[in-house]
Protein backbone atom coordinates (compact mmCIF):
# COMPACT_ATOMS: atom_id res chain seq x y z
CA UNK A 1 -58.81 133.65 -45.36
CA UNK A 2 -62.40 134.05 -43.37
CA UNK A 3 -61.88 137.59 -42.93
CA UNK A 4 -60.99 137.70 -46.74
CA UNK A 5 -64.15 136.20 -47.59
CA UNK A 6 -66.17 138.72 -45.48
CA UNK A 7 -64.45 141.47 -46.96
CA UNK A 8 -65.28 139.95 -50.29
CA UNK A 9 -68.85 139.46 -49.48
CA UNK A 10 -69.25 143.00 -48.36
CA UNK A 11 -67.78 144.61 -51.59
CA UNK A 12 -70.01 142.33 -53.91
CA UNK A 13 -73.17 143.31 -51.72
CA UNK A 14 -72.21 147.05 -52.01
CA UNK A 15 -71.56 146.97 -55.83
CA UNK A 16 -75.01 145.04 -56.23
CA UNK A 17 -76.90 147.23 -54.01
CA UNK A 18 -75.47 150.52 -55.43
CA UNK A 19 -76.17 149.40 -58.75
CA UNK A 20 -79.40 148.22 -58.14
CA UNK A 21 -80.33 152.01 -57.11
CA UNK A 22 -80.24 153.87 -60.36
CA UNK A 23 -81.83 150.86 -62.22
CA UNK A 24 -84.87 150.90 -59.64
CA UNK A 25 -85.19 154.54 -60.16
CA UNK A 26 -85.51 154.07 -64.05
CA UNK A 27 -88.00 151.42 -63.59
CA UNK A 28 -89.83 153.83 -61.24
CA UNK A 29 -89.82 156.62 -63.89
CA UNK A 30 -90.83 154.46 -66.52
CA UNK A 31 -93.99 153.01 -64.80
CA UNK A 32 -94.70 156.73 -63.66
CA UNK A 33 -94.52 157.65 -67.40
CA UNK A 34 -96.82 154.64 -68.18
CA UNK A 35 -99.33 155.71 -65.79
CA UNK A 36 -99.17 159.42 -66.78
CA UNK A 37 -99.90 158.69 -70.35
CA UNK A 38 -102.67 156.31 -69.24
CA UNK A 39 -104.39 159.09 -67.00
CA UNK A 40 -104.05 161.71 -69.81
CA UNK A 41 -105.60 159.21 -72.45
CA UNK A 42 -108.67 158.64 -69.90
CA UNK A 43 -109.28 162.39 -69.45
CA UNK A 44 -108.93 163.28 -72.84
CA UNK A 45 -111.18 160.15 -74.20
CA UNK A 46 -113.66 161.21 -71.89
CA UNK A 47 -113.59 164.98 -72.97
CA UNK A 48 -114.34 163.78 -76.52
CA UNK A 49 -116.57 161.14 -75.97
CA UNK A 50 -118.66 163.76 -73.81
CA UNK A 51 -118.76 165.75 -77.13
CA UNK A 52 -120.72 163.01 -78.87
CA UNK A 53 -117.45 161.92 -80.65
CA UNK A 54 -117.44 158.32 -81.82
CA UNK A 55 -114.77 155.68 -80.94
CA UNK A 56 -113.25 156.64 -84.35
CA UNK A 57 -113.35 159.84 -84.26
CA UNK A 58 -111.78 159.53 -80.78
CA UNK A 59 -109.14 157.53 -81.64
CA UNK A 60 -108.42 160.08 -84.85
CA UNK A 61 -108.16 162.89 -82.47
CA UNK A 62 -106.00 161.46 -79.93
CA UNK A 63 -103.41 160.50 -82.74
CA UNK A 64 -103.03 164.40 -83.16
CA UNK A 65 -103.21 165.14 -79.54
CA UNK A 66 -100.33 162.53 -78.81
CA UNK A 67 -98.31 163.82 -81.88
CA UNK A 68 -95.20 164.58 -79.71
CA UNK A 69 -95.55 161.57 -77.63
CA UNK A 70 -93.66 158.74 -79.72
CA UNK A 71 -95.11 155.71 -78.18
CA UNK A 72 -98.71 156.96 -77.88
CA UNK A 73 -98.54 158.41 -81.42
CA UNK A 74 -97.75 155.02 -83.08
CA UNK A 75 -100.34 153.32 -80.94
CA UNK A 76 -103.05 155.56 -82.05
CA UNK A 77 -101.77 155.18 -85.71
CA UNK A 78 -102.06 151.45 -85.52
CA UNK A 79 -105.75 151.72 -84.09
CA UNK A 80 -106.88 154.07 -86.56
CA UNK A 81 -106.25 151.18 -89.06
CA UNK A 82 -108.48 148.83 -87.26
CA UNK A 83 -112.17 148.87 -87.10
CA UNK A 84 -113.84 151.25 -84.45
CA UNK A 85 -114.18 147.89 -81.64
CA UNK A 86 -111.22 146.71 -82.46
CA UNK A 87 -109.36 150.00 -82.17
CA UNK A 88 -110.65 150.16 -78.85
CA UNK A 89 -109.42 146.54 -77.99
CA UNK A 90 -105.96 146.68 -79.36
CA UNK A 91 -105.39 150.00 -77.01
CA UNK A 92 -106.82 148.06 -73.91
CA UNK A 93 -104.37 145.42 -74.76
CA UNK A 94 -101.13 147.81 -74.94
CA UNK A 95 -102.10 150.16 -72.32
CA UNK A 96 -105.18 148.78 -70.57
CA UNK A 97 -106.52 149.52 -66.88
CA UNK A 98 -109.99 149.17 -65.23
CA UNK A 99 -111.15 152.51 -65.95
CA UNK A 100 -110.35 152.21 -69.46
CA UNK A 101 -111.88 148.80 -69.79
CA UNK A 102 -115.23 150.34 -68.55
CA UNK A 103 -115.16 153.41 -70.53
CA UNK A 104 -114.30 151.78 -73.61
CA UNK A 105 -117.25 149.44 -72.94
CA UNK A 106 -119.58 152.10 -72.46
CA UNK A 107 -118.81 153.81 -75.34
CA UNK A 108 -119.21 150.88 -77.52
CA UNK A 109 -122.64 149.71 -76.13
CA UNK A 110 -123.52 153.29 -76.56
CA UNK A 111 -122.78 153.37 -80.31
CA UNK A 112 -124.44 150.29 -80.81
CA UNK A 113 -127.71 151.47 -79.39
CA UNK A 114 -127.36 155.29 -81.19
CA UNK A 115 -126.77 154.96 -84.77
CA UNK A 116 -126.97 158.63 -85.31
CA UNK A 117 -124.10 160.62 -85.86
CA UNK A 118 -122.97 162.70 -83.91
CA UNK A 119 -124.01 160.89 -80.84
CA UNK A 120 -125.51 163.21 -78.03
CA UNK A 121 -123.80 164.43 -75.71
CA UNK A 122 -123.35 162.07 -72.34
CA UNK A 123 -125.10 163.23 -69.29
CA UNK A 124 -123.52 164.92 -66.52
CA UNK A 125 -123.90 162.40 -64.00
CA UNK A 126 -122.11 159.56 -66.35
CA UNK A 127 -119.39 162.12 -66.83
CA UNK A 128 -118.94 162.86 -63.21
CA UNK A 129 -119.05 158.81 -62.43
CA UNK A 130 -116.31 158.33 -64.78
CA UNK A 131 -114.23 161.29 -63.28
CA UNK A 132 -114.59 159.90 -60.01
CA UNK A 133 -113.54 156.27 -61.51
CA UNK A 134 -110.50 158.03 -62.93
CA UNK A 135 -109.97 159.76 -59.72
CA UNK A 136 -110.11 156.62 -57.64
CA UNK A 137 -107.72 154.73 -59.95
CA UNK A 138 -105.15 157.32 -59.56
CA UNK A 139 -105.75 157.49 -55.79
CA UNK A 140 -105.22 153.90 -55.93
CA UNK A 141 -101.83 154.13 -57.65
CA UNK A 142 -100.43 156.63 -55.42
CA UNK A 143 -101.51 154.40 -52.43
CA UNK A 144 -99.59 151.45 -53.87
CA UNK A 145 -96.45 153.83 -54.48
CA UNK A 146 -96.93 154.84 -50.72
CA UNK A 147 -97.25 150.96 -49.80
CA UNK A 148 -94.33 150.12 -51.85
CA UNK A 149 -91.87 152.84 -50.70
CA UNK A 150 -92.77 151.46 -46.96
CA UNK A 151 -92.49 147.95 -47.69
CA UNK A 152 -89.12 148.70 -49.08
CA UNK A 153 -87.84 150.98 -46.01
CA UNK A 154 -89.24 148.01 -43.79
CA UNK A 155 -87.57 145.14 -45.72
CA UNK A 156 -84.10 147.35 -45.87
CA UNK A 157 -84.08 147.75 -42.11
CA UNK A 158 -84.73 144.08 -41.63
CA UNK A 159 -81.73 142.71 -43.85
CA UNK A 160 -79.85 145.37 -42.73
CA UNK A 161 -80.57 144.14 -38.91
CA UNK A 162 -79.98 140.41 -39.63
CA UNK A 163 -76.45 141.38 -41.58
CA UNK A 164 -75.44 143.33 -38.18
CA UNK A 165 -76.34 140.35 -36.31
CA UNK A 166 -75.14 137.40 -38.45
CA UNK A 167 -71.86 139.61 -38.24
CA UNK A 168 -71.58 140.09 -34.57
CA UNK A 169 -72.46 136.32 -34.13
CA UNK A 170 -69.73 135.23 -36.65
CA UNK A 171 -66.78 137.39 -35.09
CA UNK A 172 -68.26 135.81 -31.92
CA UNK A 173 -68.43 132.13 -32.47
CA UNK A 174 -65.68 131.98 -35.55
CA UNK A 175 -67.10 128.62 -36.84
CA UNK A 176 -67.50 127.21 -40.34
CA UNK A 177 -71.28 127.18 -39.89
CA UNK A 178 -71.54 130.69 -38.68
CA UNK A 179 -69.72 132.05 -41.59
CA UNK A 180 -71.89 129.87 -44.01
CA UNK A 181 -75.00 131.56 -42.15
CA UNK A 182 -73.95 134.90 -42.38
CA UNK A 183 -72.86 134.49 -46.25
CA UNK A 184 -76.16 132.71 -47.27
CA UNK A 185 -78.68 134.66 -45.41
CA UNK A 186 -77.27 138.09 -46.36
CA UNK A 187 -77.02 137.15 -49.92
CA UNK A 188 -80.66 136.27 -50.16
CA UNK A 189 -81.31 139.44 -48.16
CA UNK A 190 -79.42 141.42 -50.86
CA UNK A 191 -81.39 139.92 -53.43
CA UNK A 192 -84.76 140.76 -52.00
CA UNK A 193 -83.16 144.39 -52.21
CA UNK A 194 -82.40 144.39 -55.47
CA UNK A 195 -85.93 142.86 -57.01
CA UNK A 196 -87.76 145.29 -58.26
CA UNK A 197 -91.43 145.47 -56.74
CA UNK A 198 -93.98 145.11 -59.42
CA UNK A 199 -96.62 143.16 -60.29
CA UNK A 200 -94.76 140.71 -62.32
CA UNK A 201 -92.09 140.24 -59.49
CA UNK A 202 -94.56 140.35 -56.51
CA UNK A 203 -95.01 136.68 -56.21
CA UNK A 204 -91.02 135.90 -56.73
CA UNK A 205 -90.11 138.56 -54.49
CA UNK A 206 -92.86 137.28 -51.68
CA UNK A 207 -91.40 133.67 -52.12
CA UNK A 208 -87.85 134.85 -51.79
CA UNK A 209 -88.74 137.11 -48.70
CA UNK A 210 -90.37 133.74 -47.15
CA UNK A 211 -87.38 131.88 -47.75
CA UNK A 212 -85.35 134.85 -46.46
CA UNK A 213 -86.99 134.64 -43.10
CA UNK A 214 -87.00 131.06 -42.66
CA UNK A 215 -83.30 130.68 -43.65
CA UNK A 216 -82.41 133.61 -41.32
CA UNK A 217 -84.73 132.24 -38.27
CA UNK A 218 -83.01 128.93 -38.86
CA UNK A 219 -79.45 130.57 -39.00
CA UNK A 220 -80.25 132.38 -36.03
CA UNK A 221 -81.30 129.24 -34.14
CA UNK A 222 -78.19 127.28 -35.07
CA UNK A 223 -75.96 130.21 -33.78
CA UNK A 224 -77.97 130.28 -30.64
CA UNK A 225 -77.74 126.63 -30.27
CA UNK A 226 -73.85 126.98 -30.96
CA UNK A 227 -73.80 129.72 -28.18
CA UNK A 228 -75.48 127.66 -25.52
CA UNK A 229 -73.73 124.42 -26.32
CA UNK A 230 -70.48 126.23 -25.72
CA UNK A 231 -71.55 127.59 -22.49
CA UNK A 232 -73.15 124.09 -21.29
CA UNK A 233 -69.15 122.60 -22.32
CA UNK A 234 -67.76 125.09 -20.06
CA UNK A 235 -69.86 124.31 -17.25
CA UNK A 236 -69.53 120.56 -17.80
């Protein structure tokens, strides 16, 4: 019965883990696509602003620029129906990032200070500053992806090590408590593996990982205590 329980656990964990891989891949590609959209938007927005275009003119040109991108085209179309400042605020509310916030704010302030149309071209040093800001933002994104990959590998290794250790201790002890420890600890470990690594789930995955370390540590202590108690019983 216990052997069947272990086999069932391994089957469930394997299915859950395998199903999570394509889901995680789709999420990663979607996040990458959203990042690429923001990067293209920022570069094109800066290019048009450099030429002295107003925010309203920029949004209209971006609509045609993104004509083949369904999401961005719809976003620009909705923004075109709003006043200039509200249009930029609307775009930021949908795809906002830190460089976008600064760039939008700069253009809004610039338009408020210069009533002439077209606006004068933006000086090179300011354009250079915004290019550096965008590049820094892109570098931070790549660094975040590397950090997530490294953390995923580290967590996976941790889960596999505890899974093997708990299985070994169960086959050695063959007690009800060691079976429960094996099932509970490894189920939490699989949940950690399945959870996506993003801002929305960061606090949740961090909390579950902390719980996993606590439960796995307590389980290890209980199993070791059981082994020691058995040895002492034999000596006595």
